[in-house]
Amino acid sequence: MEKIKVEDVRIERLNEKHSLNNFQSYEQELVDFLLEDALNNQKNRISVTYLWFLNNSKLAGYITLLSDRINLEGDLKDMFRRKGIEYHSLPALKVGRLCVDDCYLRRGLGTLMLAFAVKVANRIFNECAGCRFMVLDAKKNPKNNPIHFYKKLGFQTLKERKKGTTPMYLDLANNVKFGV
């Protein structure tokens, strides 16, 4: 299958006019979020959801971003202490949800969406406010373990967990994968 390139997509901020009913994912929870909660969260200034359409106008995926922080613990805390940074937490942009339509899996769209999120974080830092990290909670499921995907892109595990989600982070000041 051919990889999707950034020039193949159109990115739009979610609004009431978008038709979302044909979006399909094996992760029904992510479909339900898009259909039932994403717009309301956006109206309440909790998060922003960006829809990714292919040139044929088919909704191929979405990413939801929100403000967060990362608590400095363990090795991460020690590293920042050695740099003279004594804070208990640092600002971050969180990837709250990332989902690719089943038709477009393993074609590079998730990587493009994360690169977009890094650009948003850099824009926040360059124009508005501090933003040191990108964070997310990688959710294990029977069909897919996204931790390997995120590690390949430079994310590190914040805490090891056997069940549920695994918190991960990307230090935007030291990232070369996305050209940061």
C-alpha atoms as a PDB file:
ATOM      1  CA  MET A   1       0.000   0.000   0.000  1.00  0.00           C
ATOM      2  CA  GLU A   2       1.134   3.491  -0.821  1.00  0.00           C
ATOM      3  CA  LYS A   3       2.113   5.818   2.025  1.00  0.00           C
ATOM      4  CA  ILE A   4      -0.028   8.882   2.558  1.00  0.00           C
ATOM      5  CA  LYS A   5       1.887  12.148   2.148  1.00  0.00           C
ATOM      6  CA  VAL A   6       1.079  15.457   3.783  1.00  0.00           C
ATOM      7  CA  GLU A   7       0.164  16.914   0.379  1.00  0.00           C
ATOM      8  CA  ASP A   8      -2.516  14.184   0.089  1.00  0.00           C
ATOM      9  CA  VAL A   9      -4.486  15.479   3.078  1.00  0.00           C
ATOM     10  CA  ARG A  10      -6.608  18.432   4.098  1.00  0.00           C
ATOM     11  CA  ILE A  11      -6.758  19.252   7.808  1.00  0.00           C
ATOM     12  CA  GLU A  12      -9.831  20.926   9.271  1.00  0.00           C
ATOM     13  CA  ARG A  13     -10.793  21.841  12.799  1.00  0.00           C
ATOM     14  CA  LEU A  14     -13.941  19.931  13.758  1.00  0.00           C
ATOM     15  CA  ASN A  15     -17.207  21.867  13.447  1.00  0.00           C
ATOM     16  CA  GLU A  16     -20.967  21.205  13.330  1.00  0.00           C
ATOM     17  CA  LYS A  17     -20.996  20.951   9.520  1.00  0.00           C
ATOM     18  CA  HIS A  18     -18.758  17.895   9.300  1.00  0.00           C
ATOM     19  CA  SER A  19     -20.339  14.558   8.482  1.00  0.00           C
ATOM     20  CA  LEU A  20     -18.649  11.894  10.573  1.00  0.00           C
ATOM     21  CA  ASN A  21     -20.936   8.880  10.194  1.00  0.00           C
ATOM     22  CA  ASN A  22     -18.778   6.960   7.701  1.00  0.00           C
ATOM     23  CA  PHE A  23     -15.688   6.928   9.921  1.00  0.00           C
ATOM     24  CA  GLN A  24     -14.779   3.379  10.970  1.00  0.00           C
ATOM     25  CA  SER A  25     -12.262   2.024  13.432  1.00  0.00           C
ATOM     26  CA  TYR A  26     -11.804  -1.282  15.171  1.00  0.00           C
ATOM     27  CA  GLU A  27     -11.514   0.867  18.309  1.00  0.00           C
ATOM     28  CA  GLN A  28     -15.192   1.690  18.783  1.00  0.00           C
ATOM     29  CA  GLU A  29     -14.404   3.856  21.811  1.00  0.00           C
ATOM     30  CA  LEU A  30     -12.502   6.258  19.534  1.00  0.00           C
ATOM     31  CA  VAL A  31     -15.354   6.383  17.026  1.00  0.00           C
ATOM     32  CA  ASP A  32     -17.805   7.047  19.863  1.00  0.00           C
ATOM     33  CA  PHE A  33     -15.618   9.891  21.155  1.00  0.00           C
ATOM     34  CA  LEU A  34     -15.570  11.513  17.723  1.00  0.00           C
ATOM     35  CA  LEU A  35     -19.336  11.178  17.246  1.00  0.00           C
ATOM     36  CA  GLU A  36     -20.504  11.939  20.775  1.00  0.00           C
ATOM     37  CA  ASP A  37     -17.911  13.984  22.698  1.00  0.00           C
ATOM     38  CA  ALA A  38     -15.321  15.711  20.497  1.00  0.00           C
ATOM     39  CA  LEU A  39     -17.439  18.678  19.420  1.00  0.00           C
ATOM     40  CA  ASN A  40     -18.865  19.250  22.893  1.00  0.00           C
ATOM     41  CA  ASN A  41     -15.358  19.137  24.411  1.00  0.00           C
ATOM     42  CA  GLN A  42     -14.269  21.689  21.848  1.00  0.00           C
ATOM     43  CA  LYS A  43     -17.220  23.980  22.600  1.00  0.00           C
ATOM     44  CA  ASN A  44     -16.275  23.780  26.288  1.00  0.00           C
ATOM     45  CA  ARG A  45     -12.623  24.630  25.523  1.00  0.00           C
ATOM     46  CA  ILE A  46     -11.363  21.282  26.814  1.00  0.00           C
ATOM     47  CA  SER A  47      -9.751  20.016  23.625  1.00  0.00           C
ATOM     48  CA  VAL A  48      -9.532  20.649  19.885  1.00  0.00           C
ATOM     49  CA  THR A  49     -10.087  17.914  17.315  1.00  0.00           C
ATOM     50  CA  TYR A  50      -8.527  18.105  13.866  1.00  0.00           C
ATOM     51  CA  LEU A  51     -10.008  16.020  11.063  1.00  0.00           C
ATOM     52  CA  TRP A  52      -7.768  14.647   8.337  1.00  0.00           C
ATOM     53  CA  PHE A  53      -9.394  14.273   4.931  1.00  0.00           C
ATOM     54  CA  LEU A  54      -7.787  12.672   1.915  1.00  0.00           C
ATOM     55  CA  ASN A  55      -7.953  14.536  -1.385  1.00  0.00           C
ATOM     56  CA  ASN A  56     -11.043  12.502  -2.218  1.00  0.00           C
ATOM     57  CA  SER A  57     -12.719  14.167   0.812  1.00  0.00           C
ATOM     58  CA  LYS A  58     -12.880  10.877   2.736  1.00  0.00           C
ATOM     59  CA  LEU A  59     -12.324  11.324   6.480  1.00  0.00           C
ATOM     60  CA  ALA A  60      -9.163   9.288   7.084  1.00  0.00           C
ATOM     61  CA  GLY A  61      -8.408  10.116  10.713  1.00  0.00           C
ATOM     62  CA  TYR A  62      -8.446  12.596  13.534  1.00  0.00           C
ATOM     63  CA  ILE A  63      -6.272  13.883  16.341  1.00  0.00           C
ATOM     64  CA  THR A  64      -7.448  15.615  19.506  1.00  0.00           C
ATOM     65  CA  LEU A  65      -5.103  17.971  21.355  1.00  0.00           C
ATOM     66  CA  LEU A  66      -5.328  19.585  24.785  1.00  0.00           C
ATOM     67  CA  SER A  67      -3.143  21.331  27.333  1.00  0.00           C
ATOM     68  CA  ASP A  68      -1.452  19.246  29.990  1.00  0.00           C
ATOM     69  CA  ARG A  69       1.628  18.969  32.140  1.00  0.00           C
ATOM     70  CA  ILE A  70       4.122  16.278  32.894  1.00  0.00           C
ATOM     71  CA  ASN A  71       4.986  15.546  36.517  1.00  0.00           C
ATOM     72  CA  LEU A  72       8.723  15.211  36.927  1.00  0.00           C
ATOM     73  CA  GLU A  73       9.490  11.934  38.669  1.00  0.00           C
ATOM     74  CA  GLY A  74      12.366   9.474  38.886  1.00  0.00           C
ATOM     75  CA  ASP A  75      15.066   9.750  36.204  1.00  0.00           C
ATOM     76  CA  LEU A  76      13.252  12.603  34.484  1.00  0.00           C
ATOM     77  CA  LYS A  77      13.179  14.610  37.705  1.00  0.00           C
ATOM     78  CA  ASP A  78      16.887  13.899  38.297  1.00  0.00           C
ATOM     79  CA  MET A  79      17.789  14.979  34.756  1.00  0.00           C
ATOM     80  CA  PHE A  80      16.043  18.331  35.167  1.00  0.00           C
ATOM     81  CA  ARG A  81      17.477  18.863  38.655  1.00  0.00           C
ATOM     82  CA  ARG A  82      20.974  18.463  37.169  1.00  0.00           C
ATOM     83  CA  LYS A  83      20.053  21.232  34.706  1.00  0.00           C
ATOM     84  CA  GLY A  84      18.951  23.475  37.584  1.00  0.00           C
ATOM     85  CA  ILE A  85      15.233  23.130  36.822  1.00  0.00           C
ATOM     86  CA  GLU A  86      13.495  22.636  40.154  1.00  0.00           C
ATOM     87  CA  TYR A  87       9.837  22.551  39.068  1.00  0.00           C
ATOM     88  CA  HIS A  88       7.577  19.625  39.990  1.00  0.00           C
ATOM     89  CA  SER A  89       5.929  19.651  36.573  1.00  0.00           C
ATOM     90  CA  LEU A  90       6.480  21.165  33.130  1.00  0.00           C
ATOM     91  CA  PRO A  91       4.019  22.246  30.410  1.00  0.00           C
ATOM     92  CA  ALA A  92       2.975  19.832  27.710  1.00  0.00           C
ATOM     93  CA  LEU A  93       0.630  19.407  24.781  1.00  0.00           C
ATOM     94  CA  LYS A  94      -1.362  16.209  25.115  1.00  0.00           C
ATOM     95  CA  VAL A  95      -2.532  13.986  22.313  1.00  0.00           C
ATOM     96  CA  GLY A  96      -5.863  13.053  23.863  1.00  0.00           C
ATOM     97  CA  ARG A  97      -7.018  10.894  20.975  1.00  0.00           C
ATOM     98  CA  LEU A  98      -5.479   9.744  17.703  1.00  0.00           C
ATOM     99  CA  CYS A  99      -7.416   7.484  15.367  1.00  0.00           C
ATOM    100  CA  VAL A 100      -7.019   6.378  11.756  1.00  0.00           C
ATOM    101  CA  ASP A 101      -9.920   4.956   9.756  1.00  0.00           C
ATOM    102  CA  ASP A 102      -9.474   1.196   9.265  1.00  0.00           C
ATOM    103  CA  CYS A 103      -9.108   1.729   5.490  1.00  0.00           C
ATOM    104  CA  TYR A 104      -5.940   3.782   5.980  1.00  0.00           C
ATOM    105  CA  LEU A 105      -4.071   1.909   8.696  1.00  0.00           C
ATOM    106  CA  ARG A 106      -0.308   1.398   8.303  1.00  0.00           C
ATOM    107  CA  ARG A 107       0.024   4.024   5.587  1.00  0.00           C
ATOM    108  CA  GLY A 108       1.827   6.688   7.637  1.00  0.00           C
ATOM    109  CA  LEU A 109      -1.147   8.836   8.590  1.00  0.00           C
ATOM    110  CA  GLY A 110      -0.585   8.448  12.343  1.00  0.00           C
ATOM    111  CA  THR A 111       3.006   9.607  11.925  1.00  0.00           C
ATOM    112  CA  LEU A 112       1.837  12.635   9.934  1.00  0.00           C
ATOM    113  CA  MET A 113      -0.701  13.485  12.631  1.00  0.00           C
ATOM    114  CA  LEU A 114       1.969  13.346  15.345  1.00  0.00           C
ATOM    115  CA  ALA A 115       4.267  15.553  13.256  1.00  0.00           C
ATOM    116  CA  PHE A 116       1.352  18.006  13.001  1.00  0.00           C
ATOM    117  CA  ALA A 117       0.934  17.904  16.795  1.00  0.00           C
ATOM    118  CA  VAL A 118       4.646  18.673  17.246  1.00  0.00           C
ATOM    119  CA  LYS A 119       4.222  21.677  14.926  1.00  0.00           C
ATOM    120  CA  VAL A 120       1.279  22.858  17.040  1.00  0.00           C
ATOM    121  CA  ALA A 121       3.386  22.493  20.204  1.00  0.00           C
ATOM    122  CA  ASN A 122       6.218  24.452  18.581  1.00  0.00           C
ATOM    123  CA  ARG A 123       3.782  27.159  17.508  1.00  0.00           C
ATOM    124  CA  ILE A 124       2.512  27.399  21.094  1.00  0.00           C
ATOM    125  CA  PHE A 125       6.084  27.766  22.327  1.00  0.00           C
ATOM    126  CA  ASN A 126       7.198  30.208  19.638  1.00  0.00           C
ATOM    127  CA  GLU A 127       4.123  32.445  19.803  1.00  0.00           C
ATOM    128  CA  CYS A 128       2.235  32.034  23.071  1.00  0.00           C
ATOM    129  CA  ALA A 129       3.431  30.017  26.049  1.00  0.00           C
ATOM    130  CA  GLY A 130       5.846  27.411  27.331  1.00  0.00           C
ATOM    131  CA  CYS A 131       5.477  23.888  25.976  1.00  0.00           C
ATOM    132  CA  ARG A 132       8.358  21.500  26.702  1.00  0.00           C
ATOM    133  CA  PHE A 133       6.715  18.111  26.122  1.00  0.00           C
ATOM    134  CA  MET A 134       4.248  16.185  24.032  1.00  0.00           C
ATOM    135  CA  VAL A 135       2.434  13.601  26.156  1.00  0.00           C
ATOM    136  CA  LEU A 136      -0.049  10.836  25.507  1.00  0.00           C
ATOM    137  CA  ASP A 137      -1.495   7.709  27.065  1.00  0.00           C
ATOM    138  CA  ALA A 138      -0.835   4.718  24.823  1.00  0.00           C
ATOM    139  CA  LYS A 139      -3.765   2.348  25.156  1.00  0.00           C
ATOM    140  CA  LYS A 140      -3.077  -1.327  24.702  1.00  0.00           C
ATOM    141  CA  ASN A 141      -5.693  -3.365  22.881  1.00  0.00           C
ATOM    142  CA  PRO A 142      -5.927  -6.909  21.500  1.00  0.00           C
ATOM    143  CA  LYS A 143      -5.299  -5.906  17.864  1.00  0.00           C
ATOM    144  CA  ASN A 144      -2.541  -3.399  18.367  1.00  0.00           C
ATOM    145  CA  ASN A 145       0.114  -2.261  20.810  1.00  0.00           C
ATOM    146  CA  PRO A 146       0.905   1.361  19.916  1.00  0.00           C
ATOM    147  CA  ILE A 147       3.822   1.648  22.359  1.00  0.00           C
ATOM    148  CA  HIS A 148       6.268   0.359  19.729  1.00  0.00           C
ATOM    149  CA  PHE A 149       4.886   2.883  17.202  1.00  0.00           C
ATOM    150  CA  TYR A 150       5.345   5.796  19.614  1.00  0.00           C
ATOM    151  CA  LYS A 151       8.827   4.653  20.701  1.00  0.00           C
ATOM    152  CA  LYS A 152       9.884   4.488  17.057  1.00  0.00           C
ATOM    153  CA  LEU A 153       8.944   8.179  16.825  1.00  0.00           C
ATOM    154  CA  GLY A 154      11.017   9.134  19.879  1.00  0.00           C
ATOM    155  CA  PHE A 155       8.461   8.897  22.687  1.00  0.00           C
ATOM    156  CA  GLN A 156       9.635   7.458  25.987  1.00  0.00           C
ATOM    157  CA  THR A 157       7.666   5.619  28.626  1.00  0.00           C
ATOM    158  CA  LEU A 158       6.942   7.690  31.699  1.00  0.00           C
ATOM    159  CA  LYS A 159       5.567   4.803  33.782  1.00  0.00           C
ATOM    160  CA  GLU A 160       5.440   1.105  33.014  1.00  0.00           C
ATOM    161  CA  ARG A 161       1.977  -0.355  33.468  1.00  0.00           C
ATOM    162  CA  LYS A 162       0.728  -3.873  32.935  1.00  0.00           C
ATOM    163  CA  LYS A 163      -2.908  -2.928  32.240  1.00  0.00           C
ATOM    164  CA  GLY A 164      -4.734   0.038  30.779  1.00  0.00           C
ATOM    165  CA  THR A 165      -2.776   2.936  29.361  1.00  0.00           C
ATOM    166  CA  THR A 166       0.930   3.662  29.392  1.00  0.00           C
ATOM    167  CA  PRO A 167       1.837   7.338  29.826  1.00  0.00           C
ATOM    168  CA  MET A 168       4.500   8.414  27.332  1.00  0.00           C
ATOM    169  CA  TYR A 169       6.325  11.645  26.576  1.00  0.00           C
ATOM    170  CA  LEU A 170       8.411  13.314  23.898  1.00  0.00           C
ATOM    171  CA  ASP A 171      10.887  15.989  24.992  1.00  0.00           C
ATOM    172  CA  LEU A 172      10.403  18.657  22.331  1.00  0.00           C
ATOM    173  CA  ALA A 173      13.698  20.354  23.186  1.00  0.00           C
ATOM    174  CA  ASN A 174      15.709  17.232  22.327  1.00  0.00           C
ATOM    175  CA  ASN A 175      13.740  15.676  19.480  1.00  0.00           C
ATOM    176  CA  VAL A 176      15.270  15.085  16.077  1.00  0.00           C
ATOM    177  CA  LYS A 177      12.702  12.706  14.583  1.00  0.00           C
ATOM    178  CA  PHE A 178      10.290  15.556  13.852  1.00  0.00           C
ATOM    179  CA  GLY A 179      13.017  18.084  13.121  1.00  0.00           C
ATOM    180  CA  VAL A 180      12.666  19.838  16.464  1.00  0.00           C
END
